[in-house]
Amino acid sequence: MKTFAKMGEATDHLNLMEGAKVSGHYIDTSSKITVAEYARQWAANRPHRSTTAIRVRSLIDKHIDGTPLGTQLLSAVRPSQVQGRIADRSRVLAPGTLRLLV
């Protein structure tokens, strides 16, 4: 928990955090969810047809789960790591398959 000496400092901090949430830049560093767990939760909450859901689960199993990126905490992932993973996969996957991953 963060504390502040003055009410104005607390209000400024709150406004920054709320702005980051609205813009999509907020990162909850207290979360212990991994990239693979997040991908599975995301997929489970999508309105996919059954065949699409099976394909998405397969992509997560093959290309995220069990990889160094997949086992990392979501809050700790840097954009450069995601870009590196995409570059690595682009060496072995067809462009159409790669598009499904990004």
PDB file of N, CA and C in Angstrom:
ATOM      1  N   MET A   1       0.838  -1.172   0.000  1.00  0.00           N
ATOM      2  CA  MET A   1       0.000   0.000   0.000  1.00  0.00           C
ATOM      3  C   MET A   1       0.883   1.236   0.000  1.00  0.00           C
ATOM      4  N   LYS A   2       0.503   2.201  -0.771  1.00  0.00           N
ATOM      5  CA  LYS A   2       1.262   3.427  -0.876  1.00  0.00           C
ATOM      6  C   LYS A   2       0.640   4.497   0.023  1.00  0.00           C
ATOM      7  N   THR A   3       1.490   5.247   0.722  1.00  0.00           N
ATOM      8  CA  THR A   3       0.995   6.321   1.585  1.00  0.00           C
ATOM      9  C   THR A   3       1.539   7.657   1.089  1.00  0.00           C
ATOM     10  N   PHE A   4       0.838   8.714   1.464  1.00  0.00           N
ATOM     11  CA  PHE A   4       1.193  10.056   1.008  1.00  0.00           C
ATOM     12  C   PHE A   4       1.156  11.019   2.182  1.00  0.00           C
ATOM     13  N   ALA A   5       2.020  12.016   2.121  1.00  0.00           N
ATOM     14  CA  ALA A   5       2.088  13.007   3.199  1.00  0.00           C
ATOM     15  C   ALA A   5       0.939  14.007   3.102  1.00  0.00           C
ATOM     16  N   LYS A   6       0.476  14.259   1.880  1.00  0.00           N
ATOM     17  CA  LYS A   6      -0.572  15.265   1.676  1.00  0.00           C
ATOM     18  C   LYS A   6      -1.706  14.679   0.849  1.00  0.00           C
ATOM     19  N   MET A   7      -2.896  15.170   1.125  1.00  0.00           N
ATOM     20  CA  MET A   7      -4.077  14.716   0.406  1.00  0.00           C
ATOM     21  C   MET A   7      -3.953  14.996  -1.090  1.00  0.00           C
ATOM     22  N   GLY A   8      -3.361  16.118  -1.468  1.00  0.00           N
ATOM     23  CA  GLY A   8      -3.196  16.467  -2.881  1.00  0.00           C
ATOM     24  C   GLY A   8      -2.333  15.460  -3.625  1.00  0.00           C
ATOM     25  N   GLU A   9      -1.281  14.964  -2.954  1.00  0.00           N
ATOM     26  CA  GLU A   9      -0.419  13.945  -3.567  1.00  0.00           C
ATOM     27  C   GLU A   9      -1.200  12.657  -3.797  1.00  0.00           C
ATOM     28  N   ALA A  10      -2.023  12.289  -2.834  1.00  0.00           N
ATOM     29  CA  ALA A  10      -2.834  11.077  -2.968  1.00  0.00           C
ATOM     30  C   ALA A  10      -3.836  11.218  -4.103  1.00  0.00           C
ATOM     31  N   THR A  11      -4.450  12.384  -4.201  1.00  0.00           N
ATOM     32  CA  THR A  11      -5.420  12.626  -5.267  1.00  0.00           C
ATOM     33  C   THR A  11      -4.744  12.592  -6.632  1.00  0.00           C
ATOM     34  N   ASP A  12      -3.564  13.193  -6.741  1.00  0.00           N
ATOM     35  CA  ASP A  12      -2.819  13.167  -8.002  1.00  0.00           C
ATOM     36  C   ASP A  12      -2.473  11.730  -8.402  1.00  0.00           C
ATOM     37  N   HIS A  13      -2.028  10.943  -7.432  1.00  0.00           N
ATOM     38  CA  HIS A  13      -1.683   9.551  -7.701  1.00  0.00           C
ATOM     39  C   HIS A  13      -2.926   8.765  -8.148  1.00  0.00           C
ATOM     40  N   LEU A  14      -4.027   8.965  -7.472  1.00  0.00           N
ATOM     41  CA  LEU A  14      -5.274   8.297  -7.831  1.00  0.00           C
ATOM     42  C   LEU A  14      -5.693   8.660  -9.252  1.00  0.00           C
ATOM     43  N   ASN A  15      -5.591   9.920  -9.596  1.00  0.00           N
ATOM     44  CA  ASN A  15      -5.946  10.357 -10.951  1.00  0.00           C
ATOM     45  C   ASN A  15      -5.046   9.716 -12.007  1.00  0.00           C
ATOM     46  N   LEU A  16      -3.752   9.600 -11.712  1.00  0.00           N
ATOM     47  CA  LEU A  16      -2.829   8.936 -12.643  1.00  0.00           C
ATOM     48  C   LEU A  16      -3.189   7.468 -12.834  1.00  0.00           C
ATOM     49  N   MET A  17      -3.503   6.785 -11.720  1.00  0.00           N
ATOM     50  CA  MET A  17      -3.853   5.362 -11.797  1.00  0.00           C
ATOM     51  C   MET A  17      -5.154   5.156 -12.560  1.00  0.00           C
ATOM     52  N   GLU A  18      -6.137   5.992 -12.298  1.00  0.00           N
ATOM     53  CA  GLU A  18      -7.414   5.870 -13.007  1.00  0.00           C
ATOM     54  C   GLU A  18      -7.233   6.145 -14.498  1.00  0.00           C
ATOM     55  N   GLY A  19      -6.404   7.125 -14.833  1.00  0.00           N
ATOM     56  CA  GLY A  19      -6.108   7.409 -16.239  1.00  0.00           C
ATOM     57  C   GLY A  19      -5.416   6.239 -16.917  1.00  0.00           C
ATOM     58  N   ALA A  20      -4.496   5.604 -16.199  1.00  0.00           N
ATOM     59  CA  ALA A  20      -3.793   4.441 -16.752  1.00  0.00           C
ATOM     60  C   ALA A  20      -4.755   3.285 -16.982  1.00  0.00           C
ATOM     61  N   LYS A  21      -5.716   3.097 -16.089  1.00  0.00           N
ATOM     62  CA  LYS A  21      -6.709   2.034 -16.269  1.00  0.00           C
ATOM     63  C   LYS A  21      -7.556   2.294 -17.508  1.00  0.00           C
ATOM     64  N   VAL A  22      -8.018   3.531 -17.651  1.00  0.00           N
ATOM     65  CA  VAL A  22      -8.873   3.880 -18.784  1.00  0.00           C
ATOM     66  C   VAL A  22      -8.122   3.723 -20.104  1.00  0.00           C
ATOM     67  N   SER A  23      -6.850   4.095 -20.130  1.00  0.00           N
ATOM     68  CA  SER A  23      -6.070   4.035 -21.369  1.00  0.00           C
ATOM     69  C   SER A  23      -5.503   2.649 -21.655  1.00  0.00           C
ATOM     70  N   GLY A  24      -5.628   1.727 -20.688  1.00  0.00           N
ATOM     71  CA  GLY A  24      -5.108   0.378 -20.889  1.00  0.00           C
ATOM     72  C   GLY A  24      -3.642   0.224 -20.543  1.00  0.00           C
ATOM     73  N   HIS A  25      -3.058   1.198 -19.873  1.00  0.00           N
ATOM     74  CA  HIS A  25      -1.641   1.149 -19.512  1.00  0.00           C
ATOM     75  C   HIS A  25      -1.391   0.701 -18.070  1.00  0.00           C
ATOM     76  N   TYR A  26      -2.449   0.473 -17.315  1.00  0.00           N
ATOM     77  CA  TYR A  26      -2.295   0.072 -15.924  1.00  0.00           C
ATOM     78  C   TYR A  26      -1.858  -1.391 -15.845  1.00  0.00           C
ATOM     79  N   ILE A  27      -0.883  -1.668 -15.008  1.00  0.00           N
ATOM     80  CA  ILE A  27      -0.414  -3.032 -14.791  1.00  0.00           C
ATOM     81  C   ILE A  27      -0.551  -3.346 -13.307  1.00  0.00           C
ATOM     82  N   ASP A  28      -1.351  -4.358 -13.001  1.00  0.00           N
ATOM     83  CA  ASP A  28      -1.538  -4.785 -11.612  1.00  0.00           C
ATOM     84  C   ASP A  28      -0.377  -5.698 -11.245  1.00  0.00           C
ATOM     85  N   THR A  29       0.634  -5.164 -10.595  1.00  0.00           N
ATOM     86  CA  THR A  29       1.825  -5.932 -10.256  1.00  0.00           C
ATOM     87  C   THR A  29       1.591  -6.906  -9.111  1.00  0.00           C
ATOM     88  N   SER A  30       0.448  -6.826  -8.447  1.00  0.00           N
ATOM     89  CA  SER A  30       0.163  -7.769  -7.364  1.00  0.00           C
ATOM     90  C   SER A  30      -0.393  -9.092  -7.902  1.00  0.00           C
ATOM     91  N   SER A  31      -0.804  -9.110  -9.146  1.00  0.00           N
ATOM     92  CA  SER A  31      -1.361 -10.324  -9.744  1.00  0.00           C
ATOM     93  C   SER A  31      -0.271 -11.369  -9.961  1.00  0.00           C
ATOM     94  N   LYS A  32      -0.578 -12.613  -9.664  1.00  0.00           N
ATOM     95  CA  LYS A  32       0.374 -13.718  -9.826  1.00  0.00           C
ATOM     96  C   LYS A  32      -0.002 -14.621 -11.001  1.00  0.00           C
ATOM     97  N   ILE A  33      -0.807 -14.116 -11.917  1.00  0.00           N
ATOM     98  CA  ILE A  33      -1.253 -14.912 -13.056  1.00  0.00           C
ATOM     99  C   ILE A  33      -0.157 -14.963 -14.125  1.00  0.00           C
ATOM    100  N   THR A  34       0.035 -16.136 -14.704  1.00  0.00           N
ATOM    101  CA  THR A  34       1.034 -16.284 -15.760  1.00  0.00           C
ATOM    102  C   THR A  34       0.399 -15.972 -17.116  1.00  0.00           C
ATOM    103  N   VAL A  35       1.240 -15.824 -18.110  1.00  0.00           N
ATOM    104  CA  VAL A  35       0.757 -15.559 -19.463  1.00  0.00           C
ATOM    105  C   VAL A  35      -0.138 -16.703 -19.934  1.00  0.00           C
ATOM    106  N   ALA A  36       0.273 -17.942 -19.696  1.00  0.00           N
ATOM    107  CA  ALA A  36      -0.524 -19.094 -20.133  1.00  0.00           C
ATOM    108  C   ALA A  36      -1.873 -19.135 -19.414  1.00  0.00           C
ATOM    109  N   GLU A  37      -1.883 -18.870 -18.109  1.00  0.00           N
ATOM    110  CA  GLU A  37      -3.148 -18.853 -17.366  1.00  0.00           C
ATOM    111  C   GLU A  37      -4.067 -17.765 -17.896  1.00  0.00           C
ATOM    112  N   TYR A  38      -3.496 -16.591 -18.167  1.00  0.00           N
ATOM    113  CA  TYR A  38      -4.291 -15.494 -18.705  1.00  0.00           C
ATOM    114  C   TYR A  38      -4.871 -15.874 -20.071  1.00  0.00           C
ATOM    115  N   ALA A  39      -4.056 -16.483 -20.912  1.00  0.00           N
ATOM    116  CA  ALA A  39      -4.523 -16.889 -22.247  1.00  0.00           C
ATOM    117  C   ALA A  39      -5.684 -17.874 -22.123  1.00  0.00           C
ATOM    118  N   ARG A  40      -5.579 -18.811 -21.191  1.00  0.00           N
ATOM    119  CA  ARG A  40      -6.659 -19.780 -20.999  1.00  0.00           C
ATOM    120  C   ARG A  40      -7.940 -19.104 -20.488  1.00  0.00           C
ATOM    121  N   GLN A  41      -7.799 -18.165 -19.553  1.00  0.00           N
ATOM    122  CA  GLN A  41      -8.969 -17.433 -19.059  1.00  0.00           C
ATOM    123  C   GLN A  41      -9.599 -16.601 -20.170  1.00  0.00           C
ATOM    124  N   TRP A  42      -8.750 -15.939 -20.945  1.00  0.00           N
ATOM    125  CA  TRP A  42      -9.245 -15.134 -22.062  1.00  0.00           C
ATOM    126  C   TRP A  42     -10.031 -16.013 -23.029  1.00  0.00           C
ATOM    127  N   ALA A  43      -9.455 -17.155 -23.406  1.00  0.00           N
ATOM    128  CA  ALA A  43     -10.095 -18.054 -24.365  1.00  0.00           C
ATOM    129  C   ALA A  43     -11.415 -18.594 -23.822  1.00  0.00           C
ATOM    130  N   ALA A  44     -11.453 -18.899 -22.524  1.00  0.00           N
ATOM    131  CA  ALA A  44     -12.662 -19.454 -21.917  1.00  0.00           C
ATOM    132  C   ALA A  44     -13.813 -18.450 -21.910  1.00  0.00           C
ATOM    133  N   ASN A  45     -13.489 -17.166 -21.918  1.00  0.00           N
ATOM    134  CA  ASN A  45     -14.522 -16.130 -21.869  1.00  0.00           C
ATOM    135  C   ASN A  45     -14.895 -15.560 -23.234  1.00  0.00           C
ATOM    136  N   ARG A  46     -14.354 -16.130 -24.289  1.00  0.00           N
ATOM    137  CA  ARG A  46     -14.669 -15.676 -25.646  1.00  0.00           C
ATOM    138  C   ARG A  46     -15.882 -16.434 -26.175  1.00  0.00           C
ATOM    139  N   PRO A  47     -16.717 -15.798 -26.962  1.00  0.00           N
ATOM    140  CA  PRO A  47     -17.887 -16.487 -27.523  1.00  0.00           C
ATOM    141  C   PRO A  47     -17.525 -17.278 -28.781  1.00  0.00           C
ATOM    142  N   HIS A  48     -16.626 -18.252 -28.640  1.00  0.00           N
ATOM    143  CA  HIS A  48     -16.189 -19.047 -29.777  1.00  0.00           C
ATOM    144  C   HIS A  48     -17.161 -20.197 -30.053  1.00  0.00           C
ATOM    145  N   ARG A  49     -17.255 -20.549 -31.326  1.00  0.00           N
ATOM    146  CA  ARG A  49     -17.926 -21.805 -31.659  1.00  0.00           C
ATOM    147  C   ARG A  49     -17.026 -22.931 -31.164  1.00  0.00           C
ATOM    148  N   SER A  50     -17.560 -24.119 -31.051  1.00  0.00           N
ATOM    149  CA  SER A  50     -16.793 -25.220 -30.465  1.00  0.00           C
ATOM    150  C   SER A  50     -15.517 -25.530 -31.252  1.00  0.00           C
ATOM    151  N   THR A  51     -15.571 -25.486 -32.578  1.00  0.00           N
ATOM    152  CA  THR A  51     -14.373 -25.791 -33.367  1.00  0.00           C
ATOM    153  C   THR A  51     -13.305 -24.711 -33.198  1.00  0.00           C
ATOM    154  N   THR A  52     -13.735 -23.474 -33.092  1.00  0.00           N
ATOM    155  CA  THR A  52     -12.780 -22.381 -32.870  1.00  0.00           C
ATOM    156  C   THR A  52     -12.174 -22.491 -31.475  1.00  0.00           C
ATOM    157  N   ALA A  53     -12.982 -22.816 -30.493  1.00  0.00           N
ATOM    158  CA  ALA A  53     -12.481 -22.967 -29.118  1.00  0.00           C
ATOM    159  C   ALA A  53     -11.425 -24.065 -29.053  1.00  0.00           C
ATOM    160  N   ILE A  54     -11.651 -25.162 -29.760  1.00  0.00           N
ATOM    161  CA  ILE A  54     -10.673 -26.251 -29.794  1.00  0.00           C
ATOM    162  C   ILE A  54      -9.374 -25.779 -30.434  1.00  0.00           C
ATOM    163  N   ARG A  55      -9.476 -25.049 -31.536  1.00  0.00           N
ATOM    164  CA  ARG A  55      -8.273 -24.544 -32.212  1.00  0.00           C
ATOM    165  C   ARG A  55      -7.509 -23.562 -31.324  1.00  0.00           C
ATOM    166  N   VAL A  56      -8.211 -22.669 -30.650  1.00  0.00           N
ATOM    167  CA  VAL A  56      -7.565 -21.696 -29.767  1.00  0.00           C
ATOM    168  C   VAL A  56      -6.858 -22.411 -28.617  1.00  0.00           C
ATOM    169  N   ARG A  57      -7.521 -23.391 -28.010  1.00  0.00           N
ATOM    170  CA  ARG A  57      -6.873 -24.160 -26.921  1.00  0.00           C
ATOM    171  C   ARG A  57      -5.621 -24.865 -27.431  1.00  0.00           C
ATOM    172  N   SER A  58      -5.697 -25.394 -28.640  1.00  0.00           N
ATOM    173  CA  SER A  58      -4.538 -26.069 -29.228  1.00  0.00           C
ATOM    174  C   SER A  58      -3.383 -25.094 -29.446  1.00  0.00           C
ATOM    175  N   LEU A  59      -3.682 -23.898 -29.922  1.00  0.00           N
ATOM    176  CA  LEU A  59      -2.640 -22.883 -30.128  1.00  0.00           C
ATOM    177  C   LEU A  59      -1.989 -22.482 -28.803  1.00  0.00           C
ATOM    178  N   ILE A  60      -2.810 -22.332 -27.774  1.00  0.00           N
ATOM    179  CA  ILE A  60      -2.270 -21.993 -26.453  1.00  0.00           C
ATOM    180  C   ILE A  60      -1.384 -23.128 -25.946  1.00  0.00           C
ATOM    181  N   ASP A  61      -1.844 -24.364 -26.087  1.00  0.00           N
ATOM    182  CA  ASP A  61      -1.064 -25.529 -25.638  1.00  0.00           C
ATOM    183  C   ASP A  61       0.279 -25.626 -26.360  1.00  0.00           C
ATOM    184  N   LYS A  62       0.272 -25.400 -27.659  1.00  0.00           N
ATOM    185  CA  LYS A  62       1.482 -25.596 -28.469  1.00  0.00           C
ATOM    186  C   LYS A  62       2.456 -24.425 -28.420  1.00  0.00           C
ATOM    187  N   HIS A  63       1.937 -23.204 -28.341  1.00  0.00           N
ATOM    188  CA  HIS A  63       2.803 -22.046 -28.551  1.00  0.00           C
ATOM    189  C   HIS A  63       2.958 -21.111 -27.348  1.00  0.00           C
ATOM    190  N   ILE A  64       2.191 -21.343 -26.277  1.00  0.00           N
ATOM    191  CA  ILE A  64       2.298 -20.475 -25.095  1.00  0.00           C
ATOM    192  C   ILE A  64       2.615 -21.291 -23.844  1.00  0.00           C
ATOM    193  N   ASP A  65       1.772 -22.291 -23.566  1.00  0.00           N
ATOM    194  CA  ASP A  65       1.946 -23.089 -22.352  1.00  0.00           C
ATOM    195  C   ASP A  65       3.272 -23.855 -22.396  1.00  0.00           C
ATOM    196  N   GLY A  66       4.013 -23.814 -21.310  1.00  0.00           N
ATOM    197  CA  GLY A  66       5.282 -24.527 -21.236  1.00  0.00           C
ATOM    198  C   GLY A  66       6.466 -23.801 -21.852  1.00  0.00           C
ATOM    199  N   THR A  67       6.232 -22.638 -22.427  1.00  0.00           N
ATOM    200  CA  THR A  67       7.336 -21.847 -22.977  1.00  0.00           C
ATOM    201  C   THR A  67       7.820 -20.879 -21.905  1.00  0.00           C
ATOM    202  N   PRO A  68       9.021 -20.338 -22.067  1.00  0.00           N
ATOM    203  CA  PRO A  68       9.478 -19.345 -21.088  1.00  0.00           C
ATOM    204  C   PRO A  68       8.512 -18.161 -20.955  1.00  0.00           C
ATOM    205  N   LEU A  69       7.935 -17.722 -22.062  1.00  0.00           N
ATOM    206  CA  LEU A  69       6.989 -16.612 -22.010  1.00  0.00           C
ATOM    207  C   LEU A  69       5.702 -17.042 -21.297  1.00  0.00           C
ATOM    208  N   GLY A  70       5.226 -18.235 -21.558  1.00  0.00           N
ATOM    209  CA  GLY A  70       3.989 -18.724 -20.968  1.00  0.00           C
ATOM    210  C   GLY A  70       4.052 -18.911 -19.467  1.00  0.00           C
ATOM    211  N   THR A  71       5.228 -19.218 -18.953  1.00  0.00           N
ATOM    212  CA  THR A  71       5.375 -19.434 -17.515  1.00  0.00           C
ATOM    213  C   THR A  71       5.692 -18.153 -16.746  1.00  0.00           C
ATOM    214  N   GLN A  72       5.877 -17.064 -17.458  1.00  0.00           N
ATOM    215  CA  GLN A  72       6.211 -15.786 -16.830  1.00  0.00           C
ATOM    216  C   GLN A  72       4.953 -15.100 -16.298  1.00  0.00           C
ATOM    217  N   LEU A  73       5.124 -14.330 -15.219  1.00  0.00           N
ATOM    218  CA  LEU A  73       4.007 -13.539 -14.706  1.00  0.00           C
ATOM    219  C   LEU A  73       3.593 -12.523 -15.763  1.00  0.00           C
ATOM    220  N   LEU A  74       2.310 -12.400 -15.980  1.00  0.00           N
ATOM    221  CA  LEU A  74       1.796 -11.471 -16.982  1.00  0.00           C
ATOM    222  C   LEU A  74       2.250 -10.040 -16.687  1.00  0.00           C
ATOM    223  N   SER A  75       2.262  -9.671 -15.414  1.00  0.00           N
ATOM    224  CA  SER A  75       2.634  -8.305 -15.037  1.00  0.00           C
ATOM    225  C   SER A  75       4.102  -7.995 -15.289  1.00  0.00           C
ATOM    226  N   ALA A  76       4.929  -9.029 -15.506  1.00  0.00           N
ATOM    227  CA  ALA A  76       6.363  -8.820 -15.698  1.00  0.00           C
ATOM    228  C   ALA A  76       6.794  -8.867 -17.167  1.00  0.00           C
ATOM    229  N   VAL A  77       5.875  -9.171 -18.057  1.00  0.00           N
ATOM    230  CA  VAL A  77       6.227  -9.308 -19.476  1.00  0.00           C
ATOM    231  C   VAL A  77       6.470  -7.943 -20.102  1.00  0.00           C
ATOM    232  N   ARG A  78       7.568  -7.864 -20.854  1.00  0.00           N
ATOM    233  CA  ARG A  78       7.894  -6.635 -21.577  1.00  0.00           C
ATOM    234  C   ARG A  78       7.513  -6.804 -23.043  1.00  0.00           C
ATOM    235  N   PRO A  79       7.131  -5.717 -23.720  1.00  0.00           N
ATOM    236  CA  PRO A  79       6.785  -5.807 -25.139  1.00  0.00           C
ATOM    237  C   PRO A  79       7.899  -6.451 -25.969  1.00  0.00           C
ATOM    238  N   SER A  80       9.142  -6.195 -25.627  1.00  0.00           N
ATOM    239  CA  SER A  80      10.254  -6.762 -26.392  1.00  0.00           C
ATOM    240  C   SER A  80      10.271  -8.290 -26.297  1.00  0.00           C
ATOM    241  N   GLN A  81       9.809  -8.847 -25.181  1.00  0.00           N
ATOM    242  CA  GLN A  81       9.746 -10.300 -25.045  1.00  0.00           C
ATOM    243  C   GLN A  81       8.686 -10.889 -25.972  1.00  0.00           C
ATOM    244  N   VAL A  82       7.558 -10.213 -26.069  1.00  0.00           N
ATOM    245  CA  VAL A  82       6.496 -10.670 -26.968  1.00  0.00           C
ATOM    246  C   VAL A  82       6.981 -10.567 -28.414  1.00  0.00           C
ATOM    247  N   GLN A  83       7.613  -9.464 -28.755  1.00  0.00           N
ATOM    248  CA  GLN A  83       8.143  -9.298 -30.110  1.00  0.00           C
ATOM    249  C   GLN A  83       9.182 -10.363 -30.416  1.00  0.00           C
ATOM    250  N   GLY A  84      10.020 -10.689 -29.453  1.00  0.00           N
ATOM    251  CA  GLY A  84      11.024 -11.732 -29.647  1.00  0.00           C
ATOM    252  C   GLY A  84      10.385 -13.092 -29.872  1.00  0.00           C
ATOM    253  N   ARG A  85       9.327 -13.390 -29.129  1.00  0.00           N
ATOM    254  CA  ARG A  85       8.618 -14.661 -29.299  1.00  0.00           C
ATOM    255  C   ARG A  85       7.976 -14.738 -30.682  1.00  0.00           C
ATOM    256  N   ILE A  86       7.389 -13.638 -31.132  1.00  0.00           N
ATOM    257  CA  ILE A  86       6.787 -13.611 -32.467  1.00  0.00           C
ATOM    258  C   ILE A  86       7.857 -13.809 -33.534  1.00  0.00           C
ATOM    259  N   ALA A  87       8.984 -13.143 -33.377  1.00  0.00           N
ATOM    260  CA  ALA A  87      10.077 -13.295 -34.345  1.00  0.00           C
ATOM    261  C   ALA A  87      10.570 -14.737 -34.377  1.00  0.00           C
ATOM    262  N   ASP A  88      10.689 -15.359 -33.213  1.00  0.00           N
ATOM    263  CA  ASP A  88      11.122 -16.755 -33.130  1.00  0.00           C
ATOM    264  C   ASP A  88      10.127 -17.676 -33.832  1.00  0.00           C
ATOM    265  N   ARG A  89       8.843 -17.498 -33.568  1.00  0.00           N
ATOM    266  CA  ARG A  89       7.812 -18.337 -34.170  1.00  0.00           C
ATOM    267  C   ARG A  89       7.703 -18.109 -35.677  1.00  0.00           C
ATOM    268  N   SER A  90       8.041 -16.892 -36.134  1.00  0.00           N
ATOM    269  CA  SER A  90       7.937 -16.595 -37.570  1.00  0.00           C
ATOM    270  C   SER A  90       8.947 -17.395 -38.392  1.00  0.00           C
ATOM    271  N   ARG A  91       9.964 -17.918 -37.744  1.00  0.00           N
ATOM    272  CA  ARG A  91      10.963 -18.738 -38.445  1.00  0.00           C
ATOM    273  C   ARG A  91      10.459 -20.147 -38.753  1.00  0.00           C
ATOM    274  N   VAL A  92       9.442 -20.592 -38.015  1.00  0.00           N
ATOM    275  CA  VAL A  92       8.978 -21.968 -38.182  1.00  0.00           C
ATOM    276  C   VAL A  92       7.495 -22.096 -38.533  1.00  0.00           C
ATOM    277  N   LEU A  93       6.741 -21.025 -38.434  1.00  0.00           N
ATOM    278  CA  LEU A  93       5.312 -21.086 -38.718  1.00  0.00           C
ATOM    279  C   LEU A  93       4.963 -20.358 -40.008  1.00  0.00           C
ATOM    280  N   ALA A  94       3.937 -20.834 -40.659  1.00  0.00           N
ATOM    281  CA  ALA A  94       3.415 -20.159 -41.842  1.00  0.00           C
ATOM    282  C   ALA A  94       2.802 -18.828 -41.407  1.00  0.00           C
ATOM    283  N   PRO A  95       2.809 -17.828 -42.292  1.00  0.00           N
ATOM    284  CA  PRO A  95       2.249 -16.520 -41.928  1.00  0.00           C
ATOM    285  C   PRO A  95       0.809 -16.591 -41.415  1.00  0.00           C
ATOM    286  N   GLY A  96      -0.023 -17.435 -42.012  1.00  0.00           N
ATOM    287  CA  GLY A  96      -1.412 -17.552 -41.557  1.00  0.00           C
ATOM    288  C   GLY A  96      -1.524 -18.078 -40.140  1.00  0.00           C
ATOM    289  N   THR A  97      -0.704 -19.040 -39.794  1.00  0.00           N
ATOM    290  CA  THR A  97      -0.699 -19.582 -38.433  1.00  0.00           C
ATOM    291  C   THR A  97      -0.175 -18.541 -37.456  1.00  0.00           C
ATOM    292  N   LEU A  98       0.858 -17.833 -37.855  1.00  0.00           N
ATOM    293  CA  LEU A  98       1.427 -16.799 -36.991  1.00  0.00           C
ATOM    294  C   LEU A  98       0.389 -15.708 -36.695  1.00  0.00           C
ATOM    295  N   ARG A  99      -0.409 -15.346 -37.691  1.00  0.00           N
ATOM    296  CA  ARG A  99      -1.446 -14.326 -37.481  1.00  0.00           C
ATOM    297  C   ARG A  99      -2.445 -14.771 -36.408  1.00  0.00           C
ATOM    298  N   LEU A 100      -2.716 -16.052 -36.317  1.00  0.00           N
ATOM    299  CA  LEU A 100      -3.637 -16.544 -35.292  1.00  0.00           C
ATOM    300  C   LEU A 100      -3.071 -16.375 -33.881  1.00  0.00           C
ATOM    301  N   LEU A 101      -1.763 -16.302 -33.767  1.00  0.00           N
ATOM    302  CA  LEU A 101      -1.118 -16.187 -32.459  1.00  0.00           C
ATOM    303  C   LEU A 101      -1.000 -14.747 -31.971  1.00  0.00           C
ATOM    304  N   VAL A 102      -1.065 -13.797 -32.860  1.00  0.00           N
ATOM    305  CA  VAL A 102      -0.874 -12.400 -32.453  1.00  0.00           C
ATOM    306  C   VAL A 102      -2.119 -11.587 -32.544  1.00  0.00           C
TER     307      VAL A 102
END
